[in-house]
Amino acid sequence: MLEIVHIPLEYTVTFTDYDGTVLKTEVVVKGKDATAPVIPTKEGYTQTAPAWDKDGKNITADTEINAVYTINEY
């Protein structure tokens, strides 16, 4: 008898800082959620809510998620 094995599709989610620095890379099964890391503080910038440009939910393709900052004005 032939046994069918289901292999879930997996995608890479990359979390990056505003300057392109990779903060975290995570492999996520199709349809599942990625877990964002803590965004590091940057001198002269404030984290903007939401802290990421995408929510990282229901991943269905390789995805890059970027930290969102606002430059401080003095």
PDB file of N, CA and C in Angstrom:
ATOM      1  N   MET A   1       0.840  -1.175   0.000  1.00  0.00           N
ATOM      2  CA  MET A   1       0.000   0.000   0.000  1.00  0.00           C
ATOM      3  C   MET A   1       0.887   1.241   0.000  1.00  0.00           C
ATOM      4  N   LEU A   2       0.538   2.203  -0.795  1.00  0.00           N
ATOM      5  CA  LEU A   2       1.279   3.459  -0.899  1.00  0.00           C
ATOM      6  C   LEU A   2       0.839   4.408   0.200  1.00  0.00           C
ATOM      7  N   GLU A   3       1.799   4.937   0.936  1.00  0.00           N
ATOM      8  CA  GLU A   3       1.486   5.881   2.016  1.00  0.00           C
ATOM      9  C   GLU A   3       1.743   7.304   1.532  1.00  0.00           C
ATOM     10  N   ILE A   4       0.768   8.155   1.705  1.00  0.00           N
ATOM     11  CA  ILE A   4       0.901   9.560   1.308  1.00  0.00           C
ATOM     12  C   ILE A   4       1.359  10.355   2.522  1.00  0.00           C
ATOM     13  N   VAL A   5       2.446  11.076   2.340  1.00  0.00           N
ATOM     14  CA  VAL A   5       2.989  11.885   3.423  1.00  0.00           C
ATOM     15  C   VAL A   5       2.802  13.348   3.055  1.00  0.00           C
ATOM     16  N   HIS A   6       2.171  14.092   3.937  1.00  0.00           N
ATOM     17  CA  HIS A   6       1.948  15.526   3.710  1.00  0.00           C
ATOM     18  C   HIS A   6       3.130  16.306   4.279  1.00  0.00           C
ATOM     19  N   ILE A   7       3.810  17.037   3.434  1.00  0.00           N
ATOM     20  CA  ILE A   7       4.915  17.882   3.879  1.00  0.00           C
ATOM     21  C   ILE A   7       4.453  19.330   3.761  1.00  0.00           C
ATOM     22  N   PRO A   8       4.330  20.019   4.897  1.00  0.00           N
ATOM     23  CA  PRO A   8       3.848  21.408   4.836  1.00  0.00           C
ATOM     24  C   PRO A   8       4.869  22.316   4.144  1.00  0.00           C
ATOM     25  N   LEU A   9       4.369  23.291   3.418  1.00  0.00           N
ATOM     26  CA  LEU A   9       5.231  24.273   2.782  1.00  0.00           C
ATOM     27  C   LEU A   9       5.776  25.204   3.852  1.00  0.00           C
ATOM     28  N   GLU A  10       7.034  25.578   3.706  1.00  0.00           N
ATOM     29  CA  GLU A  10       7.663  26.478   4.664  1.00  0.00           C
ATOM     30  C   GLU A  10       8.214  27.698   3.936  1.00  0.00           C
ATOM     31  N   TYR A  11       8.135  28.826   4.611  1.00  0.00           N
ATOM     32  CA  TYR A  11       8.611  30.081   4.038  1.00  0.00           C
ATOM     33  C   TYR A  11       9.547  30.778   5.016  1.00  0.00           C
ATOM     34  N   THR A  12      10.456  31.558   4.478  1.00  0.00           N
ATOM     35  CA  THR A  12      11.397  32.310   5.303  1.00  0.00           C
ATOM     36  C   THR A  12      10.866  33.710   5.531  1.00  0.00           C
ATOM     37  N   VAL A  13      10.833  34.113   6.802  1.00  0.00           N
ATOM     38  CA  VAL A  13      10.438  35.466   7.174  1.00  0.00           C
ATOM     39  C   VAL A  13      11.684  36.137   7.737  1.00  0.00           C
ATOM     40  N   THR A  14      12.032  37.289   7.176  1.00  0.00           N
ATOM     41  CA  THR A  14      13.213  38.024   7.611  1.00  0.00           C
ATOM     42  C   THR A  14      12.784  39.360   8.185  1.00  0.00           C
ATOM     43  N   PHE A  15      13.179  39.612   9.424  1.00  0.00           N
ATOM     44  CA  PHE A  15      12.900  40.883  10.088  1.00  0.00           C
ATOM     45  C   PHE A  15      14.148  41.748   9.968  1.00  0.00           C
ATOM     46  N   THR A  16      13.993  42.964   9.428  1.00  0.00           N
ATOM     47  CA  THR A  16      15.141  43.843   9.225  1.00  0.00           C
ATOM     48  C   THR A  16      14.948  45.183   9.904  1.00  0.00           C
ATOM     49  N   ASP A  17      16.087  45.812  10.208  1.00  0.00           N
ATOM     50  CA  ASP A  17      16.117  47.137  10.795  1.00  0.00           C
ATOM     51  C   ASP A  17      16.009  48.163   9.662  1.00  0.00           C
ATOM     52  N   TYR A  18      15.837  49.426  10.004  1.00  0.00           N
ATOM     53  CA  TYR A  18      15.663  50.461   8.975  1.00  0.00           C
ATOM     54  C   TYR A  18      16.852  50.575   8.028  1.00  0.00           C
ATOM     55  N   ASP A  19      18.048  50.145   8.475  1.00  0.00           N
ATOM     56  CA  ASP A  19      19.233  50.239   7.620  1.00  0.00           C
ATOM     57  C   ASP A  19      19.529  48.930   6.888  1.00  0.00           C
ATOM     58  N   GLY A  20      18.601  47.965   6.972  1.00  0.00           N
ATOM     59  CA  GLY A  20      18.759  46.699   6.265  1.00  0.00           C
ATOM     60  C   GLY A  20      19.423  45.602   7.078  1.00  0.00           C
ATOM     61  N   THR A  21      19.804  45.888   8.321  1.00  0.00           N
ATOM     62  CA  THR A  21      20.411  44.876   9.179  1.00  0.00           C
ATOM     63  C   THR A  21      19.366  43.800   9.517  1.00  0.00           C
ATOM     64  N   VAL A  22      19.736  42.542   9.324  1.00  0.00           N
ATOM     65  CA  VAL A  22      18.822  41.449   9.642  1.00  0.00           C
ATOM     66  C   VAL A  22      18.786  41.263  11.156  1.00  0.00           C
ATOM     67  N   LEU A  23      17.594  41.390  11.729  1.00  0.00           N
ATOM     68  CA  LEU A  23      17.403  41.217  13.171  1.00  0.00           C
ATOM     69  C   LEU A  23      17.051  39.775  13.520  1.00  0.00           C
ATOM     70  N   LYS A  24      16.341  39.107  12.596  1.00  0.00           N
ATOM     71  CA  LYS A  24      15.928  37.727  12.846  1.00  0.00           C
ATOM     72  C   LYS A  24      15.459  37.108  11.538  1.00  0.00           C
ATOM     73  N   THR A  25      15.755  35.834  11.368  1.00  0.00           N
ATOM     74  CA  THR A  25      15.222  35.057  10.249  1.00  0.00           C
ATOM     75  C   THR A  25      14.514  33.854  10.861  1.00  0.00           C
ATOM     76  N   GLU A  26      13.326  33.584  10.351  1.00  0.00           N
ATOM     77  CA  GLU A  26      12.514  32.507  10.911  1.00  0.00           C
ATOM     78  C   GLU A  26      11.857  31.727   9.780  1.00  0.00           C
ATOM     79  N   VAL A  27      11.819  30.419   9.902  1.00  0.00           N
ATOM     80  CA  VAL A  27      11.111  29.575   8.940  1.00  0.00           C
ATOM     81  C   VAL A  27       9.716  29.318   9.513  1.00  0.00           C
ATOM     82  N   VAL A  28       8.694  29.596   8.686  1.00  0.00           N
ATOM     83  CA  VAL A  28       7.304  29.504   9.139  1.00  0.00           C
ATOM     84  C   VAL A  28       6.534  28.591   8.186  1.00  0.00           C
ATOM     85  N   VAL A  29       5.726  27.721   8.745  1.00  0.00           N
ATOM     86  CA  VAL A  29       4.867  26.844   7.945  1.00  0.00           C
ATOM     87  C   VAL A  29       3.763  27.689   7.317  1.00  0.00           C
ATOM     88  N   LYS A  30       3.424  27.372   6.080  1.00  0.00           N
ATOM     89  CA  LYS A  30       2.398  28.117   5.347  1.00  0.00           C
ATOM     90  C   LYS A  30       1.142  28.309   6.190  1.00  0.00           C
ATOM     91  N   GLY A  31       0.678  29.578   6.255  1.00  0.00           N
ATOM     92  CA  GLY A  31      -0.540  29.911   6.968  1.00  0.00           C
ATOM     93  C   GLY A  31      -0.347  30.220   8.448  1.00  0.00           C
ATOM     94  N   LYS A  32       0.855  29.988   8.967  1.00  0.00           N
ATOM     95  CA  LYS A  32       1.129  30.261  10.379  1.00  0.00           C
ATOM     96  C   LYS A  32       1.688  31.677  10.530  1.00  0.00           C
ATOM     97  N   ASP A  33       1.877  32.096  11.778  1.00  0.00           N
ATOM     98  CA  ASP A  33       2.363  33.446  12.080  1.00  0.00           C
ATOM     99  C   ASP A  33       3.838  33.438  12.451  1.00  0.00           C
ATOM    100  N   ALA A  34       4.527  34.491  12.064  1.00  0.00           N
ATOM    101  CA  ALA A  34       5.921  34.695  12.471  1.00  0.00           C
ATOM    102  C   ALA A  34       5.930  35.420  13.814  1.00  0.00           C
ATOM    103  N   THR A  35       7.011  35.246  14.554  1.00  0.00           N
ATOM    104  CA  THR A  35       7.170  35.908  15.846  1.00  0.00           C
ATOM    105  C   THR A  35       8.235  36.983  15.725  1.00  0.00           C
ATOM    106  N   ALA A  36       7.825  38.229  15.870  1.00  0.00           N
ATOM    107  CA  ALA A  36       8.740  39.359  15.698  1.00  0.00           C
ATOM    108  C   ALA A  36       9.693  39.485  16.889  1.00  0.00           C
ATOM    109  N   PRO A  37      10.939  39.892  16.620  1.00  0.00           N
ATOM    110  CA  PRO A  37      11.872  40.161  17.710  1.00  0.00           C
ATOM    111  C   PRO A  37      11.619  41.553  18.281  1.00  0.00           C
ATOM    112  N   VAL A  38      12.287  41.865  19.369  1.00  0.00           N
ATOM    113  CA  VAL A  38      12.230  43.216  19.925  1.00  0.00           C
ATOM    114  C   VAL A  38      13.022  44.138  18.999  1.00  0.00           C
ATOM    115  N   ILE A  39      12.456  45.290  18.699  1.00  0.00           N
ATOM    116  CA  ILE A  39      13.149  46.250  17.842  1.00  0.00           C
ATOM    117  C   ILE A  39      14.174  47.008  18.682  1.00  0.00           C
ATOM    118  N   PRO A  40      15.430  47.035  18.239  1.00  0.00           N
ATOM    119  CA  PRO A  40      16.435  47.763  19.011  1.00  0.00           C
ATOM    120  C   PRO A  40      16.217  49.279  18.917  1.00  0.00           C
ATOM    121  N   THR A  41      16.580  49.970  19.971  1.00  0.00           N
ATOM    122  CA  THR A  41      16.477  51.423  19.935  1.00  0.00           C
ATOM    123  C   THR A  41      17.608  51.980  19.071  1.00  0.00           C
ATOM    124  N   LYS A  42      17.349  53.095  18.436  1.00  0.00           N
ATOM    125  CA  LYS A  42      18.347  53.770  17.603  1.00  0.00           C
ATOM    126  C   LYS A  42      18.410  55.223  18.036  1.00  0.00           C
ATOM    127  N   GLU A  43      19.597  55.688  18.285  1.00  0.00           N
ATOM    128  CA  GLU A  43      19.764  57.073  18.701  1.00  0.00           C
ATOM    129  C   GLU A  43      19.241  58.006  17.617  1.00  0.00           C
ATOM    130  N   GLY A  44      18.413  58.967  18.025  1.00  0.00           N
ATOM    131  CA  GLY A  44      17.858  59.934  17.092  1.00  0.00           C
ATOM    132  C   GLY A  44      16.560  59.508  16.439  1.00  0.00           C
ATOM    133  N   TYR A  45      16.089  58.299  16.776  1.00  0.00           N
ATOM    134  CA  TYR A  45      14.859  57.781  16.177  1.00  0.00           C
ATOM    135  C   TYR A  45      13.905  57.309  17.270  1.00  0.00           C
ATOM    136  N   THR A  46      12.614  57.313  16.954  1.00  0.00           N
ATOM    137  CA  THR A  46      11.580  56.791  17.819  1.00  0.00           C
ATOM    138  C   THR A  46      10.881  55.671  17.072  1.00  0.00           C
ATOM    139  N   GLN A  47      10.565  54.585  17.776  1.00  0.00           N
ATOM    140  CA  GLN A  47       9.808  53.518  17.129  1.00  0.00           C
ATOM    141  C   GLN A  47       8.407  54.027  16.858  1.00  0.00           C
ATOM    142  N   THR A  48       7.911  53.749  15.682  1.00  0.00           N
ATOM    143  CA  THR A  48       6.587  54.197  15.269  1.00  0.00           C
ATOM    144  C   THR A  48       5.608  53.032  15.368  1.00  0.00           C
ATOM    145  N   ALA A  49       4.450  53.270  15.962  1.00  0.00           N
ATOM    146  CA  ALA A  49       3.437  52.203  16.035  1.00  0.00           C
ATOM    147  C   ALA A  49       2.667  52.145  14.719  1.00  0.00           C
ATOM    148  N   PRO A  50       2.390  51.003  14.114  1.00  0.00           N
ATOM    149  CA  PRO A  50       2.911  49.726  14.598  1.00  0.00           C
ATOM    150  C   PRO A  50       4.408  49.646  14.358  1.00  0.00           C
ATOM    151  N   ALA A  51       5.097  48.828  15.121  1.00  0.00           N
ATOM    152  CA  ALA A  51       6.555  48.770  15.083  1.00  0.00           C
ATOM    153  C   ALA A  51       7.102  48.077  13.829  1.00  0.00           C
ATOM    154  N   TRP A  52       6.259  47.357  13.109  1.00  0.00           N
ATOM    155  CA  TRP A  52       6.671  46.647  11.891  1.00  0.00           C
ATOM    156  C   TRP A  52       5.777  47.062  10.735  1.00  0.00           C
ATOM    157  N   ASP A  53       6.315  47.012   9.511  1.00  0.00           N
ATOM    158  CA  ASP A  53       5.521  47.419   8.350  1.00  0.00           C
ATOM    159  C   ASP A  53       4.524  46.352   7.886  1.00  0.00           C
ATOM    160  N   LYS A  54       4.638  45.119   8.393  1.00  0.00           N
ATOM    161  CA  LYS A  54       3.677  44.043   8.120  1.00  0.00           C
ATOM    162  C   LYS A  54       3.433  43.318   9.440  1.00  0.00           C
ATOM    163  N   ASP A  55       2.285  42.676   9.572  1.00  0.00           N
ATOM    164  CA  ASP A  55       1.960  42.041  10.857  1.00  0.00           C
ATOM    165  C   ASP A  55       2.547  40.639  11.042  1.00  0.00           C
ATOM    166  N   GLY A  56       3.022  39.999   9.983  1.00  0.00           N
ATOM    167  CA  GLY A  56       3.644  38.678  10.109  1.00  0.00           C
ATOM    168  C   GLY A  56       2.661  37.546  10.349  1.00  0.00           C
ATOM    169  N   LYS A  57       1.410  37.758  10.030  1.00  0.00           N
ATOM    170  CA  LYS A  57       0.382  36.738  10.239  1.00  0.00           C
ATOM    171  C   LYS A  57       0.031  36.057   8.912  1.00  0.00           C
ATOM    172  N   ASN A  58      -0.361  34.795   9.000  1.00  0.00           N
ATOM    173  CA  ASN A  58      -0.801  34.024   7.847  1.00  0.00           C
ATOM    174  C   ASN A  58       0.223  34.083   6.702  1.00  0.00           C
ATOM    175  N   ILE A  59       1.420  33.653   6.961  1.00  0.00           N
ATOM    176  CA  ILE A  59       2.512  33.709   5.979  1.00  0.00           C
ATOM    177  C   ILE A  59       2.252  32.718   4.846  1.00  0.00           C
ATOM    178  N   THR A  60       2.302  33.202   3.602  1.00  0.00           N
ATOM    179  CA  THR A  60       2.068  32.349   2.434  1.00  0.00           C
ATOM    180  C   THR A  60       3.164  32.498   1.373  1.00  0.00           C
ATOM    181  N   ALA A  61       4.241  33.206   1.719  1.00  0.00           N
ATOM    182  CA  ALA A  61       5.364  33.394   0.800  1.00  0.00           C
ATOM    183  C   ALA A  61       6.560  33.872   1.614  1.00  0.00           C
ATOM    184  N   ASP A  62       7.761  33.779   1.035  1.00  0.00           N
ATOM    185  CA  ASP A  62       8.923  34.376   1.687  1.00  0.00           C
ATOM    186  C   ASP A  62       8.614  35.856   1.894  1.00  0.00           C
ATOM    187  N   THR A  63       8.910  36.367   3.087  1.00  0.00           N
ATOM    188  CA  THR A  63       8.485  37.715   3.447  1.00  0.00           C
ATOM    189  C   THR A  63       9.586  38.466   4.170  1.00  0.00           C
ATOM    190  N   GLU A  64       9.753  39.741   3.837  1.00  0.00           N
ATOM    191  CA  GLU A  64      10.644  40.628   4.584  1.00  0.00           C
ATOM    192  C   GLU A  64       9.773  41.624   5.336  1.00  0.00           C
ATOM    193  N   ILE A  65      10.013  41.732   6.643  1.00  0.00           N
ATOM    194  CA  ILE A  65       9.255  42.644   7.492  1.00  0.00           C
ATOM    195  C   ILE A  65      10.243  43.652   8.065  1.00  0.00           C
ATOM    196  N   ASN A  66       9.936  44.928   7.903  1.00  0.00           N
ATOM    197  CA  ASN A  66      10.868  45.990   8.275  1.00  0.00           C
ATOM    198  C   ASN A  66      10.413  46.755   9.511  1.00  0.00           C
ATOM    199  N   ALA A  67      11.375  47.069  10.378  1.00  0.00           N
ATOM    200  CA  ALA A  67      11.101  47.902  11.550  1.00  0.00           C
ATOM    201  C   ALA A  67      10.772  49.322  11.064  1.00  0.00           C
ATOM    202  N   VAL A  68       9.832  49.971  11.776  1.00  0.00           N
ATOM    203  CA  VAL A  68       9.412  51.317  11.400  1.00  0.00           C
ATOM    204  C   VAL A  68       9.885  52.287  12.481  1.00  0.00           C
ATOM    205  N   TYR A  69      10.620  53.305  12.061  1.00  0.00           N
ATOM    206  CA  TYR A  69      11.122  54.340  12.953  1.00  0.00           C
ATOM    207  C   TYR A  69      10.732  55.702  12.399  1.00  0.00           C
ATOM    208  N   THR A  70      10.645  56.692  13.265  1.00  0.00           N
ATOM    209  CA  THR A  70      10.457  58.086  12.871  1.00  0.00           C
ATOM    210  C   THR A  70      11.639  58.873  13.408  1.00  0.00           C
ATOM    211  N   ILE A  71      12.271  59.652  12.550  1.00  0.00           N
ATOM    212  CA  ILE A  71      13.399  60.458  12.995  1.00  0.00           C
ATOM    213  C   ILE A  71      12.922  61.534  13.956  1.00  0.00           C
ATOM    214  N   ASN A  72      13.656  61.702  15.042  1.00  0.00           N
ATOM    215  CA  ASN A  72      13.305  62.721  16.030  1.00  0.00           C
ATOM    216  C   ASN A  72      13.581  64.103  15.472  1.00  0.00           C
ATOM    217  N   GLU A  73      12.691  65.032  15.766  1.00  0.00           N
ATOM    218  CA  GLU A  73      12.891  66.430  15.363  1.00  0.00           C
ATOM    219  C   GLU A  73      13.121  67.266  16.613  1.00  0.00           C
ATOM    220  N   TYR A  74      14.144  68.076  16.574  1.00  0.00           N
ATOM    221  CA  TYR A  74      14.489  68.903  17.735  1.00  0.00           C
ATOM    222  C   TYR A  74      14.267  70.356  17.448  1.00  0.00           C
TER     223      TYR A  74
END
